[in-house]
Amino acid sequence: MAVKSHFTNPLVEQRDLIGGKSVVELDRGVIRVTGADRLEWLHSMLTTDFKNLKPGVSREALLLDVQGHIEQVFHALDDGEAAWLIFDATQTEKLMAWFDRMIFRSKVELHDASSEWRVFGAFADLAQGRLEWVDPWPNVVLGGVRYATSTPEPWGYREILVEAAHGDEFAAAHGEAGTDALEALRVAARRPGLGEIDDRTMPHEVDWMTTAVHLSKGCYRGQEAVAKTHNLGHPPRRLVFLHLDGSGHLIPEPGAEIWVVNDDGTRSDRARGVVTSVAQHFEQGPIALALVQRAVPEQAELVIVNEEREISANQEVIVPASAGKAAGLARPNLLMGKN
């Protein structure tokens, strides 16, 4: 399956998509997990609460390494008979092999259902009885915490599982937007995604503690690192939202380096961050998400160096430099979810 980045004008597609007038097909893998132990088994490996997951309720979960770095992201739900995991399709073979090794004596069976289902993103309830994952963002889920000091605007995103044989019919009935449209809306919503993950991304750095981590659940790989950073330390990087100077009609690529502009107009002695996701938004213009070192001043002017050309960027703080060190501190959640 080859998903499309756009069909016509990406800016128009953004308006239609956020307005519930179209859907976007995603390149996603699907694993169906059955068996009496499925929820407890998932609970033991992933960062969110599966043990108390009720049929029809959505979860977001992370698979971490022992240092607490993000390896995989899952959109999950249970229908009462099976748990469904939606994830980056390129990781299907790797995940099936890893999950299979983790079954041991648990009453669990795995099925790669990727060829049987197509996944569509939407901002309207178009499921009509189909399986549907409803994004908890921007709510703070039970057991989570938001580091951001303000609550993002409502997001209202969902992913619908459509039988592969009916995918074309579903798309034609609702109209299609490309993946570029969804990416622009995600960046504008300050919503972390696959673009923010590299080999050292921790959930604290990108505010994924909001929807994908339960701080008081049972043991999982990487839990010690997550708890230590949250309670006693600070994440080494922090996610920022960038308004980009579009006057030169140059948009940086993900991976472009970010430098701090000193008071005298010179650049910092070294790069202090990296662009993770970039978009041209239909209202806000060129925007981006980026990870910068925690020590970068929150009011600092930034410049992106892209192919030896400079692009000015104004930062809006998402994860503050003070994030973490929560032991003994009252850190009220800003918007408690019930998932």
Protein backbone atom coordinates (compact mmCIF):
# COMPACT_ATOMS: atom_id res chain seq x y z
CA MET A 1 0.00 0.00 0.00
CA ALA A 2 1.33 3.42 -0.95
CA VAL A 3 -0.24 6.30 0.98
CA LYS A 4 -0.16 9.74 -0.61
CA SER A 5 1.38 12.90 0.81
CA HIS A 6 -1.23 15.06 -0.96
CA PHE A 7 -3.88 14.90 -3.68
CA THR A 8 -4.47 18.55 -4.60
CA ASN A 9 -3.62 21.62 -2.54
CA PRO A 10 -2.24 20.54 0.88
CA LEU A 11 -3.55 23.73 2.55
CA VAL A 12 -7.09 23.08 1.35
CA GLU A 13 -6.72 19.45 2.41
CA GLN A 14 -5.84 20.61 5.93
CA ARG A 15 -9.05 22.65 6.18
CA ASP A 16 -11.15 19.75 4.94
CA LEU A 17 -9.48 17.23 7.23
CA ILE A 18 -9.73 19.28 10.44
CA GLY A 19 -13.30 20.17 9.48
CA GLY A 20 -14.29 16.49 9.32
CA LYS A 21 -14.83 16.63 5.54
CA SER A 22 -12.18 14.09 4.59
CA VAL A 23 -10.01 11.23 5.86
CA VAL A 24 -6.33 10.38 5.44
CA GLU A 25 -4.98 6.90 4.83
CA LEU A 26 -1.99 5.99 6.99
CA ASP A 27 0.85 3.53 6.58
CA ARG A 28 0.15 1.52 9.70
CA GLY A 29 0.65 -2.04 10.85
CA VAL A 30 -2.00 -3.85 12.89
CA ILE A 31 -1.44 -6.65 15.39
CA ARG A 32 -4.38 -8.51 16.94
CA VAL A 33 -3.69 -9.99 20.37
CA THR A 34 -6.05 -12.64 21.78
CA GLY A 35 -6.07 -14.91 24.81
CA ALA A 36 -7.12 -14.66 28.43
CA ASP A 37 -3.84 -13.06 29.52
CA ARG A 38 -3.58 -10.46 26.73
CA LEU A 39 -4.20 -7.34 28.84
CA GLU A 40 -1.99 -8.34 31.74
CA TRP A 41 0.71 -9.37 29.25
CA LEU A 42 0.64 -5.99 27.50
CA HIS A 43 0.49 -4.26 30.88
CA SER A 44 3.80 -5.86 31.88
CA MET A 45 5.69 -4.59 28.82
CA LEU A 46 4.27 -1.20 27.88
CA THR A 47 4.04 2.15 29.66
CA THR A 48 0.28 2.50 30.09
CA ASP A 49 -2.43 0.72 32.07
CA PHE A 50 -3.78 -2.24 30.11
CA LYS A 51 -4.86 -4.28 33.10
CA ASN A 52 -7.90 -2.06 33.64
CA LEU A 53 -8.64 -1.43 29.96
CA LYS A 54 -12.36 -1.68 29.17
CA PRO A 55 -13.78 -2.65 25.77
CA GLY A 56 -14.00 0.34 23.44
CA VAL A 57 -11.60 2.52 25.46
CA SER A 58 -8.45 3.76 23.74
CA ARG A 59 -4.91 3.77 25.07
CA GLU A 60 -1.61 5.18 23.86
CA ALA A 61 1.47 3.21 24.94
CA LEU A 62 5.22 3.24 24.48
CA LEU A 63 7.79 0.48 24.32
CA LEU A 64 11.01 1.69 25.96
CA ASP A 65 14.54 0.39 26.22
CA VAL A 66 16.18 -0.07 29.61
CA GLN A 67 17.42 3.55 29.60
CA GLY A 68 13.87 4.84 29.13
CA HIS A 69 14.32 5.79 25.47
CA ILE A 70 11.29 5.36 23.18
CA GLU A 71 11.52 2.42 20.78
CA GLN A 72 7.91 2.11 19.58
CA VAL A 73 4.56 3.91 19.87
CA PHE A 74 1.24 2.03 19.96
CA HIS A 75 -2.35 3.15 19.54
CA ALA A 76 -4.32 0.46 21.32
CA LEU A 77 -7.87 -0.62 22.08
CA ASP A 78 -9.69 -3.76 23.17
CA ASP A 79 -13.00 -5.05 21.80
CA GLY A 80 -13.69 -7.50 24.61
CA GLU A 81 -12.21 -10.46 22.72
CA ALA A 82 -8.96 -9.08 21.38
CA ALA A 83 -6.56 -6.20 21.88
CA TRP A 84 -5.60 -4.26 18.75
CA LEU A 85 -2.27 -2.48 18.33
CA ILE A 86 -1.79 0.16 15.61
CA PHE A 87 1.77 1.31 14.88
CA ASP A 88 4.32 2.30 12.24
CA ALA A 89 4.01 -0.30 9.46
CA THR A 90 7.76 -0.47 8.90
CA GLN A 91 8.14 -2.04 12.35
CA THR A 92 5.71 -4.95 11.86
CA GLU A 93 8.16 -7.79 11.32
CA LYS A 94 10.43 -6.64 14.13
CA LEU A 95 7.55 -6.27 16.58
CA MET A 96 5.97 -9.61 15.74
CA ALA A 97 9.29 -11.34 16.42
CA TRP A 98 9.88 -9.43 19.66
CA PHE A 99 6.36 -9.97 21.01
CA ASP A 100 6.55 -13.67 20.14
CA ARG A 101 9.70 -14.04 22.24
CA MET A 102 7.94 -12.36 25.19
CA ILE A 103 4.94 -14.70 25.41
CA PHE A 104 6.61 -17.40 27.57
CA ARG A 105 3.74 -19.22 29.33
CA SER A 106 1.13 -16.49 28.99
CA LYS A 107 -2.18 -17.39 27.37
CA VAL A 108 -1.66 -15.06 24.43
CA GLU A 109 -1.83 -15.44 20.66
CA LEU A 110 -0.55 -12.95 18.09
CA HIS A 111 -1.82 -12.30 14.60
CA ASP A 112 -0.38 -9.88 12.07
CA ALA A 113 -3.60 -8.38 10.68
CA SER A 114 -1.92 -5.62 8.66
CA SER A 115 -2.98 -7.01 5.29
CA GLU A 116 -6.59 -7.35 6.42
CA TRP A 117 -7.14 -3.77 7.55
CA ARG A 118 -6.46 -0.26 6.31
CA VAL A 119 -6.12 2.56 8.82
CA PHE A 120 -7.67 5.98 8.19
CA GLY A 121 -7.20 9.11 10.28
CA ALA A 122 -10.13 11.50 10.75
CA PHE A 123 -11.45 14.37 12.86
CA ALA A 124 -15.06 13.19 12.77
CA ASP A 125 -16.74 10.05 14.09
CA LEU A 126 -17.02 8.09 10.85
CA ALA A 127 -16.50 4.61 12.25
CA GLN A 128 -20.12 3.44 11.87
CA GLY A 129 -19.54 0.42 14.09
CA ARG A 130 -15.95 -0.21 13.02
CA LEU A 131 -13.06 -0.42 15.45
CA GLU A 132 -11.86 3.08 16.26
CA TRP A 133 -8.95 4.45 18.27
CA VAL A 134 -9.73 7.85 19.82
CA ASP A 135 -6.67 9.95 20.60
CA PRO A 136 -6.58 10.97 24.29
CA TRP A 137 -4.54 14.09 23.45
CA PRO A 138 -4.61 16.73 24.89
CA ASN A 139 -6.20 15.24 28.01
CA VAL A 140 -3.92 14.09 30.81
CA VAL A 141 -4.79 10.42 31.22
CA LEU A 142 -5.10 8.75 34.60
CA GLY A 143 -1.60 8.19 35.93
CA GLY A 144 -0.03 10.74 33.57
CA VAL A 145 1.29 14.26 34.01
CA ARG A 146 1.62 17.26 31.71
CA TYR A 147 4.84 19.22 31.83
CA ALA A 148 3.55 21.95 29.53
CA THR A 149 2.23 24.91 31.51
CA SER A 150 -0.71 25.48 29.18
CA THR A 151 -3.29 23.14 27.71
CA PRO A 152 -3.26 22.71 23.92
CA GLU A 153 -6.36 23.36 21.87
CA PRO A 154 -8.81 20.44 21.39
CA TRP A 155 -7.47 17.88 18.94
CA GLY A 156 -10.34 15.47 18.27
CA TYR A 157 -8.30 12.98 16.24
CA ARG A 158 -9.15 9.30 15.73
CA GLU A 159 -8.02 6.30 13.68
CA ILE A 160 -10.49 3.92 12.07
CA LEU A 161 -9.84 0.31 11.08
CA VAL A 162 -11.50 -0.42 7.74
CA GLU A 163 -11.61 -3.85 6.12
CA ALA A 164 -9.02 -3.88 3.33
CA ALA A 165 -11.60 -4.85 0.72
CA HIS A 166 -13.74 -1.81 1.61
CA GLY A 167 -10.93 0.74 1.98
CA ASP A 168 -11.37 2.36 -1.43
CA GLU A 169 -15.11 2.61 -0.90
CA PHE A 170 -14.62 4.22 2.51
CA ALA A 171 -12.14 6.75 1.14
CA ALA A 172 -14.38 7.66 -1.79
CA ALA A 173 -17.39 8.14 0.46
CA HIS A 174 -15.62 10.61 2.75
CA GLY A 175 -13.04 12.26 0.50
CA GLU A 176 -9.28 11.98 0.93
CA ALA A 177 -6.53 14.22 2.21
CA GLY A 178 -2.83 13.40 2.13
CA THR A 179 -0.49 12.68 4.99
CA ASP A 180 1.06 16.17 4.67
CA ALA A 181 -2.24 17.66 5.81
CA LEU A 182 -2.34 15.52 8.95
CA GLU A 183 1.30 16.26 9.71
CA ALA A 184 0.70 20.02 9.56
CA LEU A 185 -2.29 19.74 11.90
CA ARG A 186 -0.30 17.58 14.32
CA VAL A 187 2.58 20.04 14.48
CA ALA A 188 0.18 22.94 15.04
CA ALA A 189 -1.42 20.97 17.90
CA ARG A 190 2.00 20.52 19.58
CA ARG A 191 1.24 16.80 19.51
CA PRO A 192 4.33 14.53 19.69
CA GLY A 193 4.57 11.88 16.99
CA LEU A 194 6.97 9.59 15.16
CA GLY A 195 8.99 12.57 13.93
CA GLU A 196 10.08 13.38 17.47
CA ILE A 197 11.66 9.98 18.08
CA ASP A 198 15.36 9.37 17.70
CA ASP A 199 17.58 6.83 19.46
CA ARG A 200 17.61 8.84 22.70
CA THR A 201 14.15 10.40 22.97
CA MET A 202 12.60 10.06 26.43
CA PRO A 203 8.84 10.56 26.95
CA HIS A 204 9.55 13.46 29.35
CA GLU A 205 11.30 15.47 26.62
CA VAL A 206 8.29 15.64 24.30
CA ASP A 207 5.47 15.77 26.89
CA TRP A 208 4.43 12.18 26.12
CA MET A 209 3.99 11.70 29.85
CA THR A 210 0.60 13.32 29.22
CA THR A 211 -1.06 10.48 27.33
CA ALA A 212 1.25 7.46 27.16
CA VAL A 213 2.85 6.89 30.59
CA HIS A 214 1.21 5.72 33.81
CA LEU A 215 3.56 6.74 36.61
CA SER A 216 2.23 4.35 39.26
CA LYS A 217 1.55 1.16 37.29
CA GLY A 218 3.54 -2.06 37.60
CA CYS A 219 6.98 -2.80 36.25
CA TYR A 220 7.93 -2.42 32.58
CA ARG A 221 11.24 -2.07 30.81
CA GLY A 222 12.61 1.44 31.30
CA GLN A 223 10.35 2.24 34.26
CA GLU A 224 13.25 2.99 36.62
CA ALA A 225 14.72 5.54 34.22
CA VAL A 226 11.31 7.15 33.70
CA ALA A 227 10.64 7.45 37.43
CA LYS A 228 14.14 8.69 38.24
CA THR A 229 14.03 11.43 35.60
CA HIS A 230 10.53 12.52 36.62
CA ASN A 231 11.12 12.53 40.38
CA LEU A 232 14.78 13.41 40.81
CA GLY A 233 16.17 14.83 37.59
CA HIS A 234 15.36 16.77 34.45
CA PRO A 235 15.01 15.49 30.89
CA PRO A 236 18.15 16.49 28.96
CA ARG A 237 16.18 18.03 26.08
CA ARG A 238 12.84 19.77 25.75
CA LEU A 239 10.28 20.06 22.96
CA VAL A 240 9.60 23.51 21.52
CA PHE A 241 7.19 24.83 18.92
CA LEU A 242 8.76 27.09 16.29
CA HIS A 243 7.30 29.86 14.17
CA LEU A 244 9.60 29.99 11.14
CA ASP A 245 10.57 32.99 9.07
CA GLY A 246 9.02 32.26 5.71
CA SER A 247 10.21 35.40 3.94
CA GLY A 248 12.93 33.50 2.10
CA HIS A 249 10.52 30.76 1.03
CA LEU A 250 12.89 28.19 2.53
CA ILE A 251 11.55 25.44 4.78
CA PRO A 252 14.08 23.39 6.76
CA GLU A 253 14.25 19.63 6.66
CA PRO A 254 13.82 17.49 9.77
CA GLY A 255 17.27 17.00 11.22
CA ALA A 256 18.41 20.57 10.52
CA GLU A 257 20.51 22.00 13.35
CA ILE A 258 19.32 24.77 15.66
CA TRP A 259 21.63 27.44 17.06
CA VAL A 260 21.05 30.13 19.68
CA VAL A 261 21.45 33.76 18.60
CA ASN A 262 23.66 35.62 21.07
CA ASP A 263 22.97 39.20 22.22
CA ASP A 264 25.53 40.51 19.75
CA GLY A 265 23.85 38.74 16.83
CA THR A 266 26.40 35.96 16.54
CA ARG A 267 25.57 32.26 16.78
CA SER A 268 26.24 30.01 19.76
CA ASP A 269 29.53 28.11 19.66
CA ARG A 270 27.74 24.90 18.71
CA ALA A 271 24.33 23.62 17.63
CA ARG A 272 21.91 23.44 20.55
CA GLY A 273 19.05 21.43 19.06
CA VAL A 274 17.49 19.77 16.04
CA VAL A 275 14.30 20.19 14.02
CA THR A 276 12.08 17.11 14.32
CA SER A 277 8.93 17.92 12.29
CA VAL A 278 8.17 20.70 9.78
CA ALA A 279 4.96 21.86 8.11
CA GLN A 280 3.33 24.64 6.14
CA HIS A 281 0.09 25.33 8.04
CA PHE A 282 -2.95 26.83 6.34
CA GLU A 283 -3.32 29.52 9.03
CA GLN A 284 -0.01 29.74 10.87
CA GLY A 285 2.35 29.47 7.91
CA PRO A 286 5.69 27.64 8.27
CA ILE A 287 5.93 25.93 11.65
CA ALA A 288 7.99 23.19 13.25
CA LEU A 289 8.61 21.10 16.33
CA ALA A 290 12.15 20.77 17.63
CA LEU A 291 14.17 19.30 20.46
CA VAL A 292 16.63 21.69 22.10
CA GLN A 293 19.00 21.26 25.01
CA ARG A 294 17.33 21.93 28.36
CA ALA A 295 19.78 24.74 29.10
CA VAL A 296 18.70 26.78 26.04
CA PRO A 297 17.01 29.90 27.50
CA GLU A 298 13.26 29.82 27.02
CA GLN A 299 13.27 33.37 25.61
CA ALA A 300 16.26 32.85 23.32
CA GLU A 301 16.08 33.74 19.65
CA LEU A 302 16.94 30.73 17.52
CA VAL A 303 18.27 30.20 14.03
CA ILE A 304 18.06 27.04 11.94
CA VAL A 305 20.95 26.22 9.64
CA ASN A 306 19.66 24.36 6.59
CA GLU A 307 22.07 23.62 3.74
CA GLU A 308 24.26 26.56 4.86
CA ARG A 309 21.30 28.95 4.79
CA GLU A 310 19.86 30.46 7.98
CA ILE A 311 16.17 30.54 8.92
CA SER A 312 15.09 32.58 11.93
CA ALA A 313 12.76 30.87 14.39
CA ASN A 314 10.75 32.09 17.38
CA GLN A 315 10.21 29.45 20.04
CA GLU A 316 7.14 28.74 22.11
CA VAL A 317 7.86 26.60 25.16
CA ILE A 318 6.12 23.23 25.28
CA VAL A 319 8.22 21.36 27.84
CA PRO A 320 9.74 23.91 30.26
CA ALA A 321 13.34 23.73 31.41
CA SER A 322 12.03 23.06 34.94
CA ALA A 323 10.30 19.78 33.93
CA GLY A 324 11.05 16.92 36.32
CA LYS A 325 12.27 17.01 39.93
CA ALA A 326 8.71 16.23 40.99
CA ALA A 327 9.52 14.36 44.20
CA GLY A 328 7.72 16.08 47.05
CA LEU A 329 6.20 18.73 44.80
CA ALA A 330 2.53 19.27 44.05
CA ARG A 331 2.20 19.21 40.24
CA PRO A 332 -1.54 19.37 39.51
CA ASN A 333 -2.69 17.94 36.20
CA LEU A 334 -4.21 20.62 34.00
CA LEU A 335 -6.90 18.51 32.39
CA MET A 336 -7.66 15.10 33.80
CA GLY A 337 -8.83 12.48 31.33
CA LYS A 338 -10.88 9.43 32.22
CA ASN A 339 -9.39 6.88 29.80
